[in-house]
PDB file of N, CA and C in Angstrom:
ATOM      1  N   MET A   1      11.956   4.150  14.219  1.00  0.00           N
ATOM      2  CA  MET A   1      10.604   3.660  14.401  1.00  0.00           C
ATOM      3  C   MET A   1       9.929   3.548  13.039  1.00  0.00           C
ATOM      4  N   LEU A   2       9.203   2.474  12.843  1.00  0.00           N
ATOM      5  CA  LEU A   2       8.411   2.247  11.645  1.00  0.00           C
ATOM      6  C   LEU A   2       6.953   2.439  12.021  1.00  0.00           C
ATOM      7  N   GLU A   3       6.281   3.330  11.310  1.00  0.00           N
ATOM      8  CA  GLU A   3       4.870   3.612  11.578  1.00  0.00           C
ATOM      9  C   GLU A   3       4.069   3.412  10.312  1.00  0.00           C
ATOM     10  N   VAL A   4       2.952   2.747  10.437  1.00  0.00           N
ATOM     11  CA  VAL A   4       2.036   2.509   9.331  1.00  0.00           C
ATOM     12  C   VAL A   4       0.715   3.166   9.701  1.00  0.00           C
ATOM     13  N   ASP A   5       0.196   3.998   8.801  1.00  0.00           N
ATOM     14  CA  ASP A   5      -1.044   4.715   9.096  1.00  0.00           C
ATOM     15  C   ASP A   5      -2.025   4.577   7.945  1.00  0.00           C
ATOM     16  N   ASN A   6      -3.151   3.948   8.224  1.00  0.00           N
ATOM     17  CA  ASN A   6      -4.272   3.819   7.303  1.00  0.00           C
ATOM     18  C   ASN A   6      -3.863   3.160   5.985  1.00  0.00           C
ATOM     19  N   LEU A   7      -3.035   2.135   6.056  1.00  0.00           N
ATOM     20  CA  LEU A   7      -2.497   1.483   4.866  1.00  0.00           C
ATOM     21  C   LEU A   7      -3.547   0.608   4.191  1.00  0.00           C
ATOM     22  N   GLU A   8      -3.603   0.720   2.871  1.00  0.00           N
ATOM     23  CA  GLU A   8      -4.507  -0.109   2.071  1.00  0.00           C
ATOM     24  C   GLU A   8      -3.778  -0.542   0.813  1.00  0.00           C
ATOM     25  N   CYS A   9      -4.015  -1.774   0.413  1.00  0.00           N
ATOM     26  CA  CYS A   9      -3.456  -2.278  -0.840  1.00  0.00           C
ATOM     27  C   CYS A   9      -4.544  -3.028  -1.586  1.00  0.00           C
ATOM     28  N   ILE A  10      -4.719  -2.652  -2.835  1.00  0.00           N
ATOM     29  CA  ILE A  10      -5.707  -3.285  -3.702  1.00  0.00           C
ATOM     30  C   ILE A  10      -4.961  -3.969  -4.836  1.00  0.00           C
ATOM     31  N   ARG A  11      -5.282  -5.209  -5.100  1.00  0.00           N
ATOM     32  CA  ARG A  11      -4.721  -5.970  -6.218  1.00  0.00           C
ATOM     33  C   ARG A  11      -5.877  -6.365  -7.127  1.00  0.00           C
ATOM     34  N   GLY A  12      -5.848  -5.853  -8.351  1.00  0.00           N
ATOM     35  CA  GLY A  12      -6.968  -6.098  -9.255  1.00  0.00           C
ATOM     36  C   GLY A  12      -8.204  -5.419  -8.710  1.00  0.00           C
ATOM     37  N   ASP A  13      -9.246  -6.179  -8.469  1.00  0.00           N
ATOM     38  CA  ASP A  13     -10.478  -5.618  -7.896  1.00  0.00           C
ATOM     39  C   ASP A  13     -10.665  -6.037  -6.442  1.00  0.00           C
ATOM     40  N   ARG A  14      -9.588  -6.545  -5.818  1.00  0.00           N
ATOM     41  CA  ARG A  14      -9.680  -7.084  -4.456  1.00  0.00           C
ATOM     42  C   ARG A  14      -8.816  -6.295  -3.478  1.00  0.00           C
ATOM     43  N   SER A  15      -9.399  -5.872  -2.369  1.00  0.00           N
ATOM     44  CA  SER A  15      -8.655  -5.215  -1.302  1.00  0.00           C
ATOM     45  C   SER A  15      -8.012  -6.294  -0.433  1.00  0.00           C
ATOM     46  N   LEU A  16      -6.672  -6.288  -0.378  1.00  0.00           N
ATOM     47  CA  LEU A  16      -5.967  -7.265   0.446  1.00  0.00           C
ATOM     48  C   LEU A  16      -5.983  -6.874   1.916  1.00  0.00           C
ATOM     49  N   PHE A  17      -5.824  -5.571   2.167  1.00  0.00           N
ATOM     50  CA  PHE A  17      -5.940  -5.051   3.525  1.00  0.00           C
ATOM     51  C   PHE A  17      -6.262  -3.569   3.429  1.00  0.00           C
ATOM     52  N   ALA A  18      -6.919  -3.060   4.459  1.00  0.00           N
ATOM     53  CA  ALA A  18      -7.306  -1.646   4.484  1.00  0.00           C
ATOM     54  C   ALA A  18      -7.359  -1.178   5.930  1.00  0.00           C
ATOM     55  N   GLY A  19      -7.053   0.108   6.132  1.00  0.00           N
ATOM     56  CA  GLY A  19      -7.123   0.690   7.468  1.00  0.00           C
ATOM     57  C   GLY A  19      -6.072   0.158   8.425  1.00  0.00           C
ATOM     58  N   LEU A  20      -4.996  -0.389   7.901  1.00  0.00           N
ATOM     59  CA  LEU A  20      -3.956  -0.996   8.732  1.00  0.00           C
ATOM     60  C   LEU A  20      -3.137   0.083   9.429  1.00  0.00           C
ATOM     61  N   ARG A  21      -3.014  -0.045  10.751  1.00  0.00           N
ATOM     62  CA  ARG A  21      -2.237   0.908  11.555  1.00  0.00           C
ATOM     63  C   ARG A  21      -1.425   0.136  12.594  1.00  0.00           C
ATOM     64  N   PHE A  22      -0.139   0.456  12.671  1.00  0.00           N
ATOM     65  CA  PHE A  22       0.697  -0.084  13.738  1.00  0.00           C
ATOM     66  C   PHE A  22       2.019   0.660  13.740  1.00  0.00           C
ATOM     67  N   SER A  23       2.779   0.481  14.808  1.00  0.00           N
ATOM     68  CA  SER A  23       4.123   1.059  14.875  1.00  0.00           C
ATOM     69  C   SER A  23       5.044   0.042  15.538  1.00  0.00           C
ATOM     70  N   LEU A  24       6.297   0.081  15.114  1.00  0.00           N
ATOM     71  CA  LEU A  24       7.319  -0.805  15.665  1.00  0.00           C
ATOM     72  C   LEU A  24       8.528   0.028  16.049  1.00  0.00           C
ATOM     73  N   ASN A  25       8.980  -0.147  17.259  1.00  0.00           N
ATOM     74  CA  ASN A  25      10.200   0.516  17.717  1.00  0.00           C
ATOM     75  C   ASN A  25      11.399  -0.378  17.406  1.00  0.00           C
ATOM     76  N   ALA A  26      12.582   0.177  17.516  1.00  0.00           N
ATOM     77  CA  ALA A  26      13.810  -0.596  17.302  1.00  0.00           C
ATOM     78  C   ALA A  26      13.788  -1.832  18.200  1.00  0.00           C
ATOM     79  N   GLY A  27      14.098  -2.982  17.621  1.00  0.00           N
ATOM     80  CA  GLY A  27      14.146  -4.225  18.376  1.00  0.00           C
ATOM     81  C   GLY A  27      12.827  -4.968  18.470  1.00  0.00           C
ATOM     82  N   GLU A  28      11.727  -4.358  18.046  1.00  0.00           N
ATOM     83  CA  GLU A  28      10.431  -5.028  18.066  1.00  0.00           C
ATOM     84  C   GLU A  28      10.231  -5.813  16.776  1.00  0.00           C
ATOM     85  N   LEU A  29       9.384  -6.838  16.852  1.00  0.00           N
ATOM     86  CA  LEU A  29       9.101  -7.704  15.714  1.00  0.00           C
ATOM     87  C   LEU A  29       7.631  -7.649  15.359  1.00  0.00           C
ATOM     88  N   LEU A  30       7.354  -7.956  14.108  1.00  0.00           N
ATOM     89  CA  LEU A  30       5.984  -8.085  13.633  1.00  0.00           C
ATOM     90  C   LEU A  30       5.820  -9.500  13.121  1.00  0.00           C
ATOM     91  N   HIS A  31       4.844 -10.216  13.634  1.00  0.00           N
ATOM     92  CA  HIS A  31       4.561 -11.593  13.201  1.00  0.00           C
ATOM     93  C   HIS A  31       3.359 -11.540  12.266  1.00  0.00           C
ATOM     94  N   LEU A  32       3.574 -11.939  11.011  1.00  0.00           N
ATOM     95  CA  LEU A  32       2.484 -11.991  10.039  1.00  0.00           C
ATOM     96  C   LEU A  32       2.035 -13.424   9.863  1.00  0.00           C
ATOM     97  N   GLN A  33       0.737 -13.599   9.842  1.00  0.00           N
ATOM     98  CA  GLN A  33       0.170 -14.927   9.686  1.00  0.00           C
ATOM     99  C   GLN A  33      -1.097 -14.800   8.861  1.00  0.00           C
ATOM    100  N   GLY A  34      -1.313 -15.737   7.958  1.00  0.00           N
ATOM    101  CA  GLY A  34      -2.535 -15.717   7.166  1.00  0.00           C
ATOM    102  C   GLY A  34      -2.504 -16.746   6.063  1.00  0.00           C
ATOM    103  N   HIS A  35      -3.631 -16.928   5.443  1.00  0.00           N
ATOM    104  CA  HIS A  35      -3.774 -17.895   4.356  1.00  0.00           C
ATOM    105  C   HIS A  35      -3.046 -17.396   3.109  1.00  0.00           C
ATOM    106  N   ASN A  36      -2.789 -18.313   2.184  1.00  0.00           N
ATOM    107  CA  ASN A  36      -2.221 -17.940   0.897  1.00  0.00           C
ATOM    108  C   ASN A  36      -3.117 -16.894   0.229  1.00  0.00           C
ATOM    109  N   GLY A  37      -2.483 -15.855  -0.310  1.00  0.00           N
ATOM    110  CA  GLY A  37      -3.237 -14.819  -1.001  1.00  0.00           C
ATOM    111  C   GLY A  37      -3.853 -13.767  -0.106  1.00  0.00           C
ATOM    112  N   SER A  38      -3.551 -13.805   1.189  1.00  0.00           N
ATOM    113  CA  SER A  38      -4.171 -12.845   2.111  1.00  0.00           C
ATOM    114  C   SER A  38      -3.455 -11.497   2.152  1.00  0.00           C
ATOM    115  N   GLY A  39      -2.260 -11.397   1.530  1.00  0.00           N
ATOM    116  CA  GLY A  39      -1.584 -10.103   1.460  1.00  0.00           C
ATOM    117  C   GLY A  39      -0.324  -9.978   2.302  1.00  0.00           C
ATOM    118  N   LYS A  40       0.175 -11.064   2.846  1.00  0.00           N
ATOM    119  CA  LYS A  40       1.376 -11.002   3.701  1.00  0.00           C
ATOM    120  C   LYS A  40       2.593 -10.467   2.937  1.00  0.00           C
ATOM    121  N   THR A  41       2.888 -11.061   1.794  1.00  0.00           N
ATOM    122  CA  THR A  41       4.047 -10.631   1.010  1.00  0.00           C
ATOM    123  C   THR A  41       3.836  -9.227   0.474  1.00  0.00           C
ATOM    124  N   THR A  42       2.630  -8.905   0.069  1.00  0.00           N
ATOM    125  CA  THR A  42       2.331  -7.556  -0.409  1.00  0.00           C
ATOM    126  C   THR A  42       2.569  -6.534   0.695  1.00  0.00           C
ATOM    127  N   LEU A  43       2.175  -6.848   1.917  1.00  0.00           N
ATOM    128  CA  LEU A  43       2.424  -5.944   3.038  1.00  0.00           C
ATOM    129  C   LEU A  43       3.927  -5.751   3.242  1.00  0.00           C
ATOM    130  N   LEU A  44       4.681  -6.845   3.243  1.00  0.00           N
ATOM    131  CA  LEU A  44       6.134  -6.728   3.437  1.00  0.00           C
ATOM    132  C   LEU A  44       6.776  -5.902   2.325  1.00  0.00           C
ATOM    133  N   ARG A  45       6.364  -6.115   1.098  1.00  0.00           N
ATOM    134  CA  ARG A  45       6.899  -5.329  -0.018  1.00  0.00           C
ATOM    135  C   ARG A  45       6.518  -3.861   0.101  1.00  0.00           C
ATOM    136  N   THR A  46       5.330  -3.602   0.606  1.00  0.00           N
ATOM    137  CA  THR A  46       4.896  -2.213   0.811  1.00  0.00           C
ATOM    138  C   THR A  46       5.717  -1.560   1.912  1.00  0.00           C
ATOM    139  N   LEU A  47       5.968  -2.289   3.000  1.00  0.00           N
ATOM    140  CA  LEU A  47       6.768  -1.750   4.097  1.00  0.00           C
ATOM    141  C   LEU A  47       8.199  -1.448   3.658  1.00  0.00           C
ATOM    142  N   CYS A  48       8.687  -2.186   2.677  1.00  0.00           N
ATOM    143  CA  CYS A  48      10.047  -1.972   2.157  1.00  0.00           C
ATOM    144  C   CYS A  48      10.098  -0.887   1.096  1.00  0.00           C
ATOM    145  N   GLY A  49       8.935  -0.412   0.660  1.00  0.00           N
ATOM    146  CA  GLY A  49       8.905   0.613  -0.376  1.00  0.00           C
ATOM    147  C   GLY A  49       8.940   0.066  -1.783  1.00  0.00           C
ATOM    148  N   LEU A  50       8.767  -1.236  -1.939  1.00  0.00           N
ATOM    149  CA  LEU A  50       8.782  -1.845  -3.266  1.00  0.00           C
ATOM    150  C   LEU A  50       7.437  -1.751  -3.968  1.00  0.00           C
ATOM    151  N   ILE A  51       6.380  -1.553  -3.195  1.00  0.00           N
ATOM    152  CA  ILE A  51       5.027  -1.383  -3.724  1.00  0.00           C
ATOM    153  C   ILE A  51       4.445  -0.102  -3.128  1.00  0.00           C
ATOM    154  N   VAL A  52       3.800   0.681  -3.959  1.00  0.00           N
ATOM    155  CA  VAL A  52       3.133   1.906  -3.486  1.00  0.00           C
ATOM    156  C   VAL A  52       1.728   1.524  -3.010  1.00  0.00           C
ATOM    157  N   PRO A  53       1.376   1.876  -1.781  1.00  0.00           N
ATOM    158  CA  PRO A  53       0.046   1.523  -1.284  1.00  0.00           C
ATOM    159  C   PRO A  53      -1.041   2.302  -2.002  1.00  0.00           C
ATOM    160  N   SER A  54      -2.239   1.738  -2.036  1.00  0.00           N
ATOM    161  CA  SER A  54      -3.392   2.426  -2.625  1.00  0.00           C
ATOM    162  C   SER A  54      -3.789   3.626  -1.773  1.00  0.00           C
ATOM    163  N   GLN A  55      -3.545   3.496  -0.479  1.00  0.00           N
ATOM    164  CA  GLN A  55      -3.875   4.557   0.470  1.00  0.00           C
ATOM    165  C   GLN A  55      -2.980   4.411   1.685  1.00  0.00           C
ATOM    166  N   GLY A  56      -2.776   5.499   2.399  1.00  0.00           N
ATOM    167  CA  GLY A  56      -2.008   5.469   3.628  1.00  0.00           C
ATOM    168  C   GLY A  56      -0.528   5.707   3.414  1.00  0.00           C
ATOM    169  N   VAL A  57       0.217   5.690   4.512  1.00  0.00           N
ATOM    170  CA  VAL A  57       1.650   5.972   4.453  1.00  0.00           C
ATOM    171  C   VAL A  57       2.427   5.006   5.344  1.00  0.00           C
ATOM    172  N   VAL A  58       3.691   4.828   4.962  1.00  0.00           N
ATOM    173  CA  VAL A  58       4.655   4.120   5.788  1.00  0.00           C
ATOM    174  C   VAL A  58       5.716   5.142   6.162  1.00  0.00           C
ATOM    175  N   ASN A  59       5.871   5.390   7.449  1.00  0.00           N
ATOM    176  CA  ASN A  59       6.860   6.347   7.938  1.00  0.00           C
ATOM    177  C   ASN A  59       8.004   5.620   8.634  1.00  0.00           C
ATOM    178  N   TRP A  60       9.183   6.143   8.461  1.00  0.00           N
ATOM    179  CA  TRP A  60      10.363   5.642   9.150  1.00  0.00           C
ATOM    180  C   TRP A  60      11.036   6.832   9.808  1.00  0.00           C
ATOM    181  N   ASN A  61      11.216   6.759  11.103  1.00  0.00           N
ATOM    182  CA  ASN A  61      11.776   7.863  11.892  1.00  0.00           C
ATOM    183  C   ASN A  61      11.023   9.173  11.643  1.00  0.00           C
ATOM    184  N   GLY A  62       9.703   9.060  11.540  1.00  0.00           N
ATOM    185  CA  GLY A  62       8.850  10.235  11.441  1.00  0.00           C
ATOM    186  C   GLY A  62       8.653  10.814  10.061  1.00  0.00           C
ATOM    187  N   LYS A  63       9.266  10.219   9.021  1.00  0.00           N
ATOM    188  CA  LYS A  63       9.125  10.733   7.659  1.00  0.00           C
ATOM    189  C   LYS A  63       8.675   9.622   6.726  1.00  0.00           C
ATOM    190  N   ASN A  64       7.904   9.993   5.732  1.00  0.00           N
ATOM    191  CA  ASN A  64       7.435   9.057   4.727  1.00  0.00           C
ATOM    192  C   ASN A  64       8.630   8.405   4.036  1.00  0.00           C
ATOM    193  N   ILE A  65       8.610   7.074   3.904  1.00  0.00           N
ATOM    194  CA  ILE A  65       9.747   6.373   3.298  1.00  0.00           C
ATOM    195  C   ILE A  65       9.980   6.802   1.855  1.00  0.00           C
ATOM    196  N   ARG A  66       8.956   7.265   1.172  1.00  0.00           N
ATOM    197  CA  ARG A  66       9.100   7.699  -0.215  1.00  0.00           C
ATOM    198  C   ARG A  66       9.852   9.027  -0.308  1.00  0.00           C
ATOM    199  N   GLN A  67       9.919   9.779   0.767  1.00  0.00           N
ATOM    200  CA  GLN A  67      10.621  11.063   0.785  1.00  0.00           C
ATOM    201  C   GLN A  67      12.069  10.926   1.237  1.00  0.00           C
ATOM    202  N   GLN A  68      12.466   9.734   1.647  1.00  0.00           N
ATOM    203  CA  GLN A  68      13.840   9.514   2.120  1.00  0.00           C
ATOM    204  C   GLN A  68      14.348   8.155   1.647  1.00  0.00           C
ATOM    205  N   ARG A  69      14.150   7.882   0.373  1.00  0.00           N
ATOM    206  CA  ARG A  69      14.424   6.561  -0.194  1.00  0.00           C
ATOM    207  C   ARG A  69      15.849   6.074   0.058  1.00  0.00           C
ATOM    208  N   GLU A  70      16.847   6.903  -0.154  1.00  0.00           N
ATOM    209  CA  GLU A  70      18.235   6.464   0.000  1.00  0.00           C
ATOM    210  C   GLU A  70      18.566   6.117   1.446  1.00  0.00           C
ATOM    211  N   ASP A  71      18.202   6.979   2.378  1.00  0.00           N
ATOM    212  CA  ASP A  71      18.472   6.711   3.798  1.00  0.00           C
ATOM    213  C   ASP A  71      17.727   5.463   4.271  1.00  0.00           C
ATOM    214  N   PHE A  72      16.467   5.346   3.860  1.00  0.00           N
ATOM    215  CA  PHE A  72      15.655   4.189   4.250  1.00  0.00           C
ATOM    216  C   PHE A  72      16.243   2.904   3.659  1.00  0.00           C
ATOM    217  N   ALA A  73      16.606   2.937   2.384  1.00  0.00           N
ATOM    218  CA  ALA A  73      17.146   1.745   1.718  1.00  0.00           C
ATOM    219  C   ALA A  73      18.472   1.317   2.338  1.00  0.00           C
ATOM    220  N   ALA A  74      19.252   2.265   2.829  1.00  0.00           N
ATOM    221  CA  ALA A  74      20.536   1.935   3.456  1.00  0.00           C
ATOM    222  C   ALA A  74      20.349   1.171   4.756  1.00  0.00           C
ATOM    223  N   GLU A  75      19.185   1.328   5.398  1.00  0.00           N
ATOM    224  CA  GLU A  75      18.917   0.663   6.676  1.00  0.00           C
ATOM    225  C   GLU A  75      18.012  -0.559   6.538  1.00  0.00           C
ATOM    226  N   MET A  76      17.428  -0.769   5.362  1.00  0.00           N
ATOM    227  CA  MET A  76      16.443  -1.828   5.146  1.00  0.00           C
ATOM    228  C   MET A  76      17.100  -3.127   4.696  1.00  0.00           C
ATOM    229  N   LEU A  77      16.600  -4.237   5.225  1.00  0.00           N
ATOM    230  CA  LEU A  77      17.014  -5.553   4.764  1.00  0.00           C
ATOM    231  C   LEU A  77      15.751  -6.390   4.580  1.00  0.00           C
ATOM    232  N   PHE A  78      15.548  -6.891   3.384  1.00  0.00           N
ATOM    233  CA  PHE A  78      14.380  -7.692   3.074  1.00  0.00           C
ATOM    234  C   PHE A  78      14.849  -9.024   2.513  1.00  0.00           C
ATOM    235  N   LEU A  79      14.583 -10.107   3.226  1.00  0.00           N
ATOM    236  CA  LEU A  79      14.993 -11.452   2.790  1.00  0.00           C
ATOM    237  C   LEU A  79      13.799 -12.259   2.373  1.00  0.00           C
TER     238      LEU A  79
END
């Protein structure tokens, strides 16, 4: 399970998203939609652990992805 709790990302002086919360179980999908520059790619990079959020956490199987980088990376695919 992927869980996002109170996620925020700031780029420069602009907040791309804040207070983001959701969870996805195995087999579920997340559809992202928005204008150019709205933070879609930044969110995906944050979910993959490539960007550290300004606030909040991304959990995978109940643990912060930053605390289990190798196990998480072995299961992650980002295209």
